Protein backbone atom coordinates (compact mmCIF):
# COMPACT_ATOMS: atom_id res chain seq x y z
CA MET A 1 77.93 104.79 167.44
CA TYR A 2 78.04 107.36 164.65
CA PHE A 3 80.60 108.07 161.95
CA GLY A 4 80.60 111.42 160.25
CA ARG A 5 81.97 114.86 159.81
CA MET A 6 83.37 116.90 162.66
CA VAL A 7 83.95 120.64 162.45
CA THR A 8 87.00 121.90 164.26
CA GLY A 9 88.42 125.36 164.73
CA GLU A 10 90.36 127.69 166.94
CA ARG A 11 87.53 129.22 168.97
CA PHE A 12 84.05 128.60 170.32
CA ILE A 13 81.26 128.90 167.77
CA GLU A 14 79.28 132.04 168.35
CA ASP A 15 75.51 131.75 168.10
CA ASN A 16 75.33 133.94 164.99
CA LEU A 17 77.59 131.49 163.06
CA ARG A 18 76.05 128.23 164.25
CA ASP A 19 73.31 128.00 161.58
CA ARG A 20 75.73 128.82 158.76
CA ILE A 21 78.21 126.16 159.89
CA ASN A 22 75.44 123.58 160.28
CA GLN A 23 74.06 124.32 156.81
CA LYS A 24 77.45 124.26 155.10
CA TYR A 25 79.03 121.22 156.80
CA SER A 26 76.26 119.27 158.57
CA PRO A 27 78.66 118.20 161.33
CA LEU A 28 77.92 115.57 163.94
CA SER A 29 80.19 117.34 166.39
CA VAL A 30 82.35 120.39 166.97
CA ASP A 31 85.64 120.69 168.82
CA MET A 32 88.62 123.01 169.17
CA GLU A 33 91.53 120.59 169.50
CA THR A 34 91.53 118.33 166.46
CA ALA A 35 92.40 120.95 163.82
CA SER A 36 95.81 121.71 165.28
CA ILE A 37 96.75 118.02 165.58
CA ALA A 38 95.48 117.27 162.05
CA HIS A 39 97.40 120.21 160.63
CA VAL A 40 100.70 119.18 162.22
CA CYS A 41 100.21 115.64 160.90
CA TYR A 42 99.34 116.92 157.43
CA VAL A 43 102.39 119.21 157.24
CA ASN A 44 104.65 116.36 158.39
CA GLU A 45 102.96 113.77 156.11
CA ILE A 46 101.91 111.62 159.05
CA PRO A 47 98.70 109.58 158.68
CA PHE A 48 95.99 110.82 161.01
CA ILE A 49 92.62 109.68 162.30
CA SER A 50 90.59 111.25 165.05
CA VAL A 51 88.35 109.31 167.42
CA ARG A 52 86.15 111.47 169.60
CA THR A 53 83.56 110.44 172.14
CA ILE A 54 81.02 113.14 172.91
CA THR A 55 80.25 113.86 176.55
CA ASP A 56 77.74 116.66 176.07
CA THR A 57 75.45 118.18 173.46
CA ALA A 58 74.48 121.66 172.38
CA THR A 59 71.44 121.51 174.67
CA HIS A 60 73.02 119.50 177.50
CA SER A 61 76.46 120.95 178.11
CA GLY A 62 78.69 122.04 180.90
CA ILE A 63 81.02 120.53 183.44
CA GLU A 64 78.21 118.58 185.12
CA LYS A 65 77.38 116.69 181.91
CA PHE A 66 81.07 116.09 181.24
CA LYS A 67 81.59 114.60 184.70
CA GLU A 68 78.41 112.54 184.40
CA ASN A 69 79.41 111.02 181.05
CA CYS A 70 83.22 110.94 181.22
CA ALA A 71 83.65 107.37 182.53
CA GLN A 72 81.27 105.86 179.97
CA ALA A 73 82.79 107.93 177.16
CA SER A 74 86.24 106.64 178.10
CA ILE A 75 85.08 103.02 177.97
CA ILE A 76 83.41 103.55 174.58
CA THR A 77 86.56 105.13 173.18
CA LYS A 78 88.82 102.39 174.55
CA ASP A 79 86.63 99.64 173.13
CA PHE A 80 86.45 101.32 169.71
CA VAL A 81 90.19 101.99 169.48
CA LEU A 82 91.07 98.43 170.48
CA GLU A 83 88.69 96.99 167.88
CA PHE A 84 89.95 99.44 165.25
CA LEU A 85 93.57 98.47 165.94
CA LYS A 86 92.71 94.77 165.84
CA GLU A 87 91.01 95.16 162.45
CA PHE A 88 93.83 97.35 161.14
CA ILE A 89 96.54 94.89 162.18
CA GLU A 90 94.63 91.96 160.70
CA SER A 91 94.13 93.80 157.39
CA GLU A 92 97.83 94.74 157.29
CA LEU A 93 98.78 91.11 157.83
CA VAL A 94 96.56 90.07 154.92
CA VAL A 95 97.89 92.83 152.64
CA ASN A 96 101.49 91.92 153.44
CA GLY A 97 100.94 88.17 152.95
CA PHE A 98 101.26 87.07 156.55
CA ARG A 99 97.90 85.29 156.61
């Protein structure tokens, strides 16, 4: 499991921009969906966290890789989110004096 920066935008990264983005941001991943959700949350002052499980890589991509890795990625995400929520709830209970 990795924690780090994700680059998100409104279109696919063209090959001529890939090196510049990697040098400037050093992202672990790239997507096109998270920016819009994060922006709506920011504008509406709603706390936001993104959890993404990667199903393909820059060198191993496509629908075949997605299908091959989708079930395992779903399990990893579920397990992480459940553990995150458990830890979050426990810390909130401590902060609010319920423990």
